Amino acid sequence: MRQRNLFTLILLPILLSACVSSPKTPYRIPSRGTSAPGPVPPQRQPAPNAPASDGFIVPEIMRAPGLEGIIGRNATALANIFGAPRLDVAEGDAQKLQFTGQACVLDIYLYPLRPGAEPSATHIEARRASDGQSVDRASCIAALRR
């Protein structure tokens, strides 16, 4: 009886640890018409360039056809192009501006390109206003220009 209790005390934590786990991939909430959540596909994040000697990390600047007139602009220049932003969110030295219209929602991310510099547009995301599905960035820019 005593050996059995000792065996249980040793084996129980090992067996319980096998029951504890965490998912290897994140899950998303299923959209309408989908029965079960599946793993979220990996998304490519803009990779920053190597940090400077003072620790400042220069952001990667998005390069794509149709973005030339937007990338590199500051918040004032963007407001002159698209009108007043729907959202203007600051986080540290970065800024996100959101412009909306019937066709799409445009998120423009601004980061300083050197320490102490004014943030400028480095990354753009565009989606349909109706359902949030991604759309062509250049087309959205053209649709939202004043």
N, C-alpha and C. Protein backbone atom coordinates (compact mmCIF):
# COMPACT_ATOMS: atom_id res chain seq x y z
N MET A 1 0.82 -1.19 0.00
CA MET A 1 0.00 0.00 0.00
C MET A 1 0.87 1.26 0.00
N ARG A 2 1.94 1.22 0.77
CA ARG A 2 2.82 2.36 0.88
C ARG A 2 3.55 2.61 -0.45
N GLN A 3 3.96 1.54 -1.13
CA GLN A 3 4.62 1.68 -2.42
C GLN A 3 3.65 2.23 -3.47
N ARG A 4 2.41 1.84 -3.36
CA ARG A 4 1.41 2.31 -4.30
C ARG A 4 1.19 3.82 -4.14
N ASN A 5 1.13 4.33 -2.93
CA ASN A 5 0.97 5.76 -2.69
C ASN A 5 2.19 6.54 -3.18
N LEU A 6 3.37 6.00 -2.97
CA LEU A 6 4.59 6.64 -3.42
C LEU A 6 4.61 6.69 -4.95
N PHE A 7 4.24 5.59 -5.57
CA PHE A 7 4.19 5.53 -7.02
C PHE A 7 3.19 6.57 -7.56
N THR A 8 2.04 6.70 -6.93
CA THR A 8 1.02 7.66 -7.33
C THR A 8 1.54 9.09 -7.19
N LEU A 9 2.23 9.38 -6.10
CA LEU A 9 2.78 10.71 -5.89
C LEU A 9 3.83 11.08 -6.93
N ILE A 10 4.58 10.13 -7.37
CA ILE A 10 5.61 10.39 -8.38
C ILE A 10 5.00 10.48 -9.77
N LEU A 11 4.08 9.59 -10.08
CA LEU A 11 3.51 9.52 -11.42
C LEU A 11 2.45 10.59 -11.68
N LEU A 12 1.71 11.02 -10.69
CA LEU A 12 0.62 11.97 -10.88
C LEU A 12 1.09 13.30 -11.48
N PRO A 13 2.13 13.95 -10.97
CA PRO A 13 2.56 15.21 -11.59
C PRO A 13 3.02 15.02 -13.04
N ILE A 14 3.63 13.91 -13.35
CA ILE A 14 4.08 13.66 -14.72
C ILE A 14 2.88 13.53 -15.65
N LEU A 15 1.88 12.79 -15.22
CA LEU A 15 0.68 12.62 -16.03
C LEU A 15 -0.08 13.93 -16.19
N LEU A 16 -0.17 14.73 -15.14
CA LEU A 16 -0.87 16.00 -15.22
C LEU A 16 -0.15 17.00 -16.12
N SER A 17 1.18 16.95 -16.12
CA SER A 17 1.91 17.89 -16.97
C SER A 17 1.67 17.59 -18.44
N ALA A 18 1.37 16.38 -18.78
CA ALA A 18 1.08 16.02 -20.17
C ALA A 18 -0.25 16.61 -20.62
N CYS A 19 -1.13 16.93 -19.69
CA CYS A 19 -2.44 17.48 -20.01
C CYS A 19 -2.38 18.98 -20.27
N VAL A 20 -1.35 19.64 -19.83
CA VAL A 20 -1.24 21.08 -19.98
C VAL A 20 -0.44 21.39 -21.24
N SER A 21 -1.05 22.16 -22.13
CA SER A 21 -0.34 22.57 -23.34
C SER A 21 -0.94 23.88 -23.83
N SER A 22 -0.25 24.51 -24.74
CA SER A 22 -0.76 25.73 -25.36
C SER A 22 -0.76 25.51 -26.86
N PRO A 23 -1.70 26.17 -27.57
CA PRO A 23 -1.75 25.98 -29.02
C PRO A 23 -0.49 26.52 -29.67
N LYS A 24 -0.06 25.83 -30.73
CA LYS A 24 1.14 26.24 -31.46
C LYS A 24 0.86 27.40 -32.41
N THR A 25 -0.40 27.51 -32.89
CA THR A 25 -0.76 28.59 -33.81
C THR A 25 -1.94 29.35 -33.24
N PRO A 26 -2.03 30.67 -33.49
CA PRO A 26 -3.17 31.44 -33.01
C PRO A 26 -4.42 31.06 -33.80
N TYR A 27 -5.56 31.29 -33.22
CA TYR A 27 -6.82 30.98 -33.87
C TYR A 27 -7.58 32.26 -34.14
N ARG A 28 -8.38 32.23 -35.19
CA ARG A 28 -9.21 33.39 -35.51
C ARG A 28 -10.67 33.00 -35.34
N ILE A 29 -11.50 34.00 -35.14
CA ILE A 29 -12.93 33.78 -35.02
C ILE A 29 -13.46 33.50 -36.41
N PRO A 30 -14.25 32.44 -36.57
CA PRO A 30 -14.73 32.12 -37.92
C PRO A 30 -15.67 33.20 -38.44
N SER A 31 -15.60 33.47 -39.74
CA SER A 31 -16.52 34.41 -40.35
C SER A 31 -17.83 33.68 -40.63
N ARG A 32 -18.82 34.43 -41.03
CA ARG A 32 -20.12 33.82 -41.30
C ARG A 32 -19.98 32.74 -42.35
N GLY A 33 -20.65 31.62 -42.13
CA GLY A 33 -20.61 30.53 -43.07
C GLY A 33 -19.46 29.57 -42.87
N THR A 34 -18.62 29.83 -41.89
CA THR A 34 -17.49 28.95 -41.60
C THR A 34 -17.82 28.19 -40.33
N SER A 35 -17.48 26.92 -40.29
CA SER A 35 -17.88 26.09 -39.16
C SER A 35 -16.90 26.12 -38.00
N ALA A 36 -15.62 26.16 -38.27
CA ALA A 36 -14.65 26.09 -37.18
C ALA A 36 -13.47 27.01 -37.45
N PRO A 37 -12.89 27.54 -36.36
CA PRO A 37 -11.73 28.40 -36.58
C PRO A 37 -10.53 27.58 -37.05
N GLY A 38 -9.69 28.22 -37.81
CA GLY A 38 -8.48 27.57 -38.28
C GLY A 38 -7.29 28.43 -37.91
N PRO A 39 -6.10 27.96 -38.19
CA PRO A 39 -4.93 28.76 -37.87
C PRO A 39 -4.87 30.03 -38.72
N VAL A 40 -4.39 31.09 -38.13
CA VAL A 40 -4.24 32.36 -38.83
C VAL A 40 -3.02 32.26 -39.74
N PRO A 41 -3.17 32.59 -41.02
CA PRO A 41 -2.00 32.51 -41.90
C PRO A 41 -0.96 33.55 -41.47
N PRO A 42 0.31 33.22 -41.59
CA PRO A 42 1.34 34.18 -41.19
C PRO A 42 1.30 35.41 -42.08
N GLN A 43 1.50 36.56 -41.47
CA GLN A 43 1.52 37.80 -42.21
C GLN A 43 2.92 38.38 -42.19
N ARG A 44 3.33 38.91 -43.34
CA ARG A 44 4.65 39.49 -43.42
C ARG A 44 4.63 40.88 -42.80
N GLN A 45 5.42 41.06 -41.78
CA GLN A 45 5.56 42.36 -41.13
C GLN A 45 6.75 43.08 -41.73
N PRO A 46 6.64 44.40 -41.85
CA PRO A 46 7.80 45.12 -42.36
C PRO A 46 8.98 44.94 -41.40
N ALA A 47 10.07 44.48 -41.89
CA ALA A 47 11.25 44.27 -41.05
C ALA A 47 12.04 45.55 -40.93
N PRO A 48 12.37 45.97 -39.71
CA PRO A 48 13.15 47.18 -39.56
C PRO A 48 14.59 46.96 -40.02
N ASN A 49 15.24 48.04 -40.39
CA ASN A 49 16.65 47.97 -40.72
C ASN A 49 17.44 47.81 -39.44
N ALA A 50 18.72 47.60 -39.55
CA ALA A 50 19.57 47.42 -38.37
C ALA A 50 19.56 48.68 -37.51
N PRO A 51 19.55 48.52 -36.19
CA PRO A 51 19.55 49.69 -35.31
C PRO A 51 20.85 50.48 -35.44
N ALA A 52 20.72 51.79 -35.32
CA ALA A 52 21.90 52.66 -35.34
C ALA A 52 22.63 52.50 -34.02
N SER A 53 23.80 53.10 -33.92
CA SER A 53 24.61 52.96 -32.72
C SER A 53 23.90 53.51 -31.48
N ASP A 54 22.97 54.46 -31.66
CA ASP A 54 22.26 55.02 -30.51
C ASP A 54 20.99 54.24 -30.17
N GLY A 55 20.74 53.11 -30.85
CA GLY A 55 19.58 52.26 -30.57
C GLY A 55 18.37 52.60 -31.42
N PHE A 56 18.41 53.68 -32.18
CA PHE A 56 17.29 54.06 -33.04
C PHE A 56 17.19 53.08 -34.20
N ILE A 57 16.00 52.57 -34.44
CA ILE A 57 15.77 51.63 -35.54
C ILE A 57 15.07 52.36 -36.67
N VAL A 58 15.68 52.37 -37.82
CA VAL A 58 15.10 53.02 -38.99
C VAL A 58 14.04 52.08 -39.56
N PRO A 59 12.80 52.55 -39.73
CA PRO A 59 11.75 51.66 -40.25
C PRO A 59 11.96 51.36 -41.73
N GLU A 60 11.46 50.20 -42.14
CA GLU A 60 11.50 49.86 -43.57
C GLU A 60 10.44 50.67 -44.28
N ILE A 61 10.79 51.23 -45.41
CA ILE A 61 9.87 52.06 -46.18
C ILE A 61 9.25 51.22 -47.28
N MET A 62 7.92 51.19 -47.32
CA MET A 62 7.18 50.41 -48.31
C MET A 62 7.39 51.02 -49.69
N ARG A 63 7.69 50.18 -50.64
CA ARG A 63 7.87 50.61 -52.03
C ARG A 63 6.94 49.78 -52.91
N ALA A 64 6.02 50.45 -53.59
CA ALA A 64 5.12 49.77 -54.51
C ALA A 64 4.56 50.79 -55.49
N PRO A 65 4.22 50.37 -56.70
CA PRO A 65 3.65 51.29 -57.68
C PRO A 65 2.36 51.93 -57.14
N GLY A 66 2.24 53.22 -57.36
CA GLY A 66 1.04 53.94 -56.94
C GLY A 66 1.14 54.56 -55.56
N LEU A 67 2.20 54.25 -54.80
CA LEU A 67 2.36 54.79 -53.45
C LEU A 67 3.34 55.95 -53.41
N GLU A 68 3.98 56.25 -54.54
CA GLU A 68 5.05 57.23 -54.58
C GLU A 68 4.66 58.59 -54.04
N GLY A 69 3.46 59.04 -54.29
CA GLY A 69 3.04 60.36 -53.84
C GLY A 69 2.63 60.41 -52.38
N ILE A 70 2.60 59.27 -51.71
CA ILE A 70 2.15 59.21 -50.32
C ILE A 70 3.30 58.86 -49.39
N ILE A 71 4.06 57.85 -49.75
CA ILE A 71 5.20 57.44 -48.92
C ILE A 71 6.17 58.61 -48.79
N GLY A 72 6.59 58.89 -47.56
CA GLY A 72 7.53 59.97 -47.30
C GLY A 72 6.88 61.28 -46.90
N ARG A 73 5.56 61.39 -47.06
CA ARG A 73 4.85 62.62 -46.70
C ARG A 73 4.59 62.68 -45.20
N ASN A 74 4.50 63.89 -44.66
CA ASN A 74 4.17 64.06 -43.24
C ASN A 74 2.66 64.18 -43.08
N ALA A 75 2.18 64.28 -41.85
CA ALA A 75 0.75 64.30 -41.56
C ALA A 75 0.04 65.48 -42.22
N THR A 76 0.67 66.64 -42.23
CA THR A 76 0.06 67.82 -42.84
C THR A 76 -0.12 67.63 -44.34
N ALA A 77 0.89 67.12 -45.00
CA ALA A 77 0.80 66.87 -46.44
C ALA A 77 -0.28 65.84 -46.75
N LEU A 78 -0.40 64.80 -45.92
CA LEU A 78 -1.42 63.78 -46.14
C LEU A 78 -2.82 64.36 -45.95
N ALA A 79 -3.00 65.24 -44.96
CA ALA A 79 -4.30 65.89 -44.75
C ALA A 79 -4.64 66.80 -45.93
N ASN A 80 -3.64 67.40 -46.55
CA ASN A 80 -3.89 68.22 -47.74
C ASN A 80 -4.33 67.36 -48.93
N ILE A 81 -3.87 66.12 -48.97
CA ILE A 81 -4.23 65.21 -50.07
C ILE A 81 -5.60 64.58 -49.84
N PHE A 82 -5.86 64.11 -48.61
CA PHE A 82 -7.07 63.32 -48.33
C PHE A 82 -8.11 64.03 -47.49
N GLY A 83 -7.81 65.19 -46.94
CA GLY A 83 -8.72 65.86 -46.03
C GLY A 83 -8.39 65.45 -44.60
N ALA A 84 -9.23 65.86 -43.68
CA ALA A 84 -8.99 65.56 -42.26
C ALA A 84 -9.07 64.05 -42.04
N PRO A 85 -8.13 63.49 -41.29
CA PRO A 85 -8.18 62.04 -41.03
C PRO A 85 -9.33 61.69 -40.10
N ARG A 86 -9.90 60.52 -40.29
CA ARG A 86 -10.94 60.01 -39.39
C ARG A 86 -10.33 59.68 -38.04
N LEU A 87 -9.13 59.10 -38.05
CA LEU A 87 -8.40 58.78 -36.83
C LEU A 87 -7.00 59.35 -36.94
N ASP A 88 -6.49 59.82 -35.81
CA ASP A 88 -5.10 60.28 -35.72
C ASP A 88 -4.60 59.75 -34.38
N VAL A 89 -3.86 58.65 -34.43
CA VAL A 89 -3.42 57.96 -33.22
C VAL A 89 -1.90 58.04 -33.11
N ALA A 90 -1.44 58.55 -31.97
CA ALA A 90 0.01 58.63 -31.73
C ALA A 90 0.39 57.56 -30.72
N GLU A 91 1.52 56.90 -30.98
CA GLU A 91 2.06 55.92 -30.05
C GLU A 91 3.57 56.11 -30.03
N GLY A 92 4.05 56.70 -28.96
CA GLY A 92 5.47 57.02 -28.90
C GLY A 92 5.78 58.05 -29.96
N ASP A 93 6.79 57.81 -30.75
CA ASP A 93 7.13 58.75 -31.82
C ASP A 93 6.50 58.36 -33.16
N ALA A 94 5.65 57.34 -33.16
CA ALA A 94 4.95 56.90 -34.37
C ALA A 94 3.54 57.47 -34.40
N GLN A 95 2.92 57.42 -35.58
CA GLN A 95 1.58 57.96 -35.75
C GLN A 95 0.84 57.13 -36.79
N LYS A 96 -0.47 56.96 -36.58
CA LYS A 96 -1.33 56.29 -37.56
C LYS A 96 -2.44 57.25 -37.94
N LEU A 97 -2.59 57.46 -39.23
CA LEU A 97 -3.69 58.26 -39.75
C LEU A 97 -4.62 57.34 -40.52
N GLN A 98 -5.93 57.53 -40.33
CA GLN A 98 -6.91 56.72 -41.05
C GLN A 98 -7.82 57.66 -41.84
N PHE A 99 -7.93 57.38 -43.13
CA PHE A 99 -8.80 58.14 -44.01
C PHE A 99 -9.85 57.18 -44.55
N THR A 100 -11.10 57.64 -44.64
CA THR A 100 -12.18 56.76 -45.07
C THR A 100 -13.01 57.41 -46.17
N GLY A 101 -13.65 56.57 -46.94
CA GLY A 101 -14.58 56.99 -47.97
C GLY A 101 -15.52 55.83 -48.25
N GLN A 102 -16.40 55.99 -49.20
CA GLN A 102 -17.33 54.91 -49.51
C GLN A 102 -16.60 53.69 -50.05
N ALA A 103 -15.53 53.92 -50.79
CA ALA A 103 -14.82 52.82 -51.44
C ALA A 103 -13.95 52.02 -50.49
N CYS A 104 -13.26 52.71 -49.57
CA CYS A 104 -12.26 51.99 -48.78
C CYS A 104 -11.84 52.77 -47.53
N VAL A 105 -11.05 52.08 -46.71
CA VAL A 105 -10.43 52.66 -45.52
C VAL A 105 -8.93 52.56 -45.75
N LEU A 106 -8.23 53.67 -45.53
CA LEU A 106 -6.79 53.73 -45.76
C LEU A 106 -6.10 54.05 -44.44
N ASP A 107 -5.22 53.16 -44.02
CA ASP A 107 -4.41 53.37 -42.82
C ASP A 107 -3.00 53.70 -43.26
N ILE A 108 -2.49 54.84 -42.82
CA ILE A 108 -1.14 55.26 -43.16
C ILE A 108 -0.34 55.36 -41.88
N TYR A 109 0.77 54.65 -41.83
CA TYR A 109 1.63 54.61 -40.64
C TYR A 109 2.83 55.50 -40.87
N LEU A 110 3.07 56.40 -39.92
CA LEU A 110 4.16 57.36 -40.02
C LEU A 110 5.17 57.09 -38.92
N TYR A 111 6.43 57.06 -39.29
CA TYR A 111 7.53 56.85 -38.34
C TYR A 111 8.64 57.85 -38.65
N PRO A 112 9.36 58.30 -37.62
CA PRO A 112 10.51 59.16 -37.89
C PRO A 112 11.62 58.34 -38.55
N LEU A 113 12.29 58.94 -39.52
CA LEU A 113 13.35 58.23 -40.23
C LEU A 113 14.72 58.44 -39.61
N ARG A 114 14.80 59.35 -38.66
CA ARG A 114 16.03 59.55 -37.88
C ARG A 114 15.60 60.11 -36.52
N PRO A 115 16.42 60.01 -35.52
CA PRO A 115 16.05 60.48 -34.18
C PRO A 115 15.63 61.95 -34.19
N GLY A 116 14.49 62.22 -33.59
CA GLY A 116 13.99 63.59 -33.48
C GLY A 116 13.31 64.13 -34.71
N ALA A 117 13.28 63.38 -35.80
CA ALA A 117 12.66 63.85 -37.04
C ALA A 117 11.14 63.75 -36.95
N GLU A 118 10.47 64.53 -37.77
CA GLU A 118 9.01 64.47 -37.87
C GLU A 118 8.63 63.14 -38.53
N PRO A 119 7.60 62.46 -38.02
CA PRO A 119 7.20 61.19 -38.64
C PRO A 119 6.74 61.39 -40.08
N SER A 120 7.08 60.44 -40.93
CA SER A 120 6.63 60.47 -42.32
C SER A 120 6.08 59.10 -42.69
N ALA A 121 5.23 59.07 -43.70
CA ALA A 121 4.55 57.84 -44.10
C ALA A 121 5.56 56.80 -44.58
N THR A 122 5.51 55.62 -43.98
CA THR A 122 6.40 54.54 -44.36
C THR A 122 5.65 53.27 -44.74
N HIS A 123 4.39 53.13 -44.32
CA HIS A 123 3.64 51.90 -44.57
C HIS A 123 2.16 52.25 -44.75
N ILE A 124 1.49 51.55 -45.68
CA ILE A 124 0.09 51.81 -45.99
C ILE A 124 -0.68 50.49 -46.04
N GLU A 125 -1.86 50.48 -45.47
CA GLU A 125 -2.78 49.36 -45.57
C GLU A 125 -4.11 49.89 -46.09
N ALA A 126 -4.83 49.11 -46.90
CA ALA A 126 -6.12 49.51 -47.45
C ALA A 126 -7.08 48.34 -47.39
N ARG A 127 -8.34 48.65 -47.08
CA ARG A 127 -9.37 47.61 -47.02
C ARG A 127 -10.72 48.20 -47.41
N ARG A 128 -11.64 47.33 -47.80
CA ARG A 128 -12.99 47.78 -48.14
C ARG A 128 -13.69 48.25 -46.87
N ALA A 129 -14.45 49.29 -47.00
CA ALA A 129 -15.20 49.81 -45.86
C ALA A 129 -16.33 48.87 -45.48
N SER A 130 -16.86 48.14 -46.45
CA SER A 130 -18.03 47.31 -46.18
C SER A 130 -17.73 46.05 -45.38
N ASP A 131 -16.61 45.38 -45.68
CA ASP A 131 -16.36 44.10 -45.01
C ASP A 131 -14.92 43.92 -44.50
N GLY A 132 -14.08 44.91 -44.68
CA GLY A 132 -12.72 44.83 -44.14
C GLY A 132 -11.73 44.01 -44.96
N GLN A 133 -12.15 43.52 -46.12
CA GLN A 133 -11.25 42.73 -46.96
C GLN A 133 -10.21 43.66 -47.60
N SER A 134 -8.99 43.18 -47.73
CA SER A 134 -7.91 43.97 -48.31
C SER A 134 -8.24 44.37 -49.75
N VAL A 135 -7.82 45.58 -50.10
CA VAL A 135 -7.97 46.07 -51.47
C VAL A 135 -6.63 46.63 -51.92
N ASP A 136 -6.51 46.89 -53.19
CA ASP A 136 -5.30 47.45 -53.76
C ASP A 136 -5.06 48.84 -53.16
N ARG A 137 -3.86 49.04 -52.63
CA ARG A 137 -3.54 50.30 -51.96
C ARG A 137 -3.61 51.49 -52.91
N ALA A 138 -3.03 51.34 -54.10
CA ALA A 138 -3.01 52.45 -55.06
C ALA A 138 -4.42 52.82 -55.50
N SER A 139 -5.29 51.85 -55.67
CA SER A 139 -6.68 52.12 -56.05
C SER A 139 -7.41 52.86 -54.95
N CYS A 140 -7.17 52.47 -53.70
CA CYS A 140 -7.80 53.13 -52.57
C CYS A 140 -7.31 54.58 -52.47
N ILE A 141 -6.01 54.78 -52.65
CA ILE A 141 -5.46 56.13 -52.63
C ILE A 141 -6.12 57.00 -53.69
N ALA A 142 -6.27 56.47 -54.90
CA ALA A 142 -6.89 57.22 -55.99
C ALA A 142 -8.34 57.55 -55.66
N ALA A 143 -9.06 56.63 -55.04
CA ALA A 143 -10.46 56.84 -54.71
C ALA A 143 -10.65 57.88 -53.60
N LEU A 144 -9.69 57.98 -52.71
CA LEU A 144 -9.85 58.90 -51.56
C LEU A 144 -9.24 60.28 -51.77
N ARG A 145 -8.45 60.47 -52.83
CA ARG A 145 -7.86 61.79 -53.09
C ARG A 145 -8.97 62.83 -53.23
N ARG A 146 -8.71 64.02 -52.71
CA ARG A 146 -9.69 65.11 -52.80
C ARG A 146 -9.86 65.55 -54.23
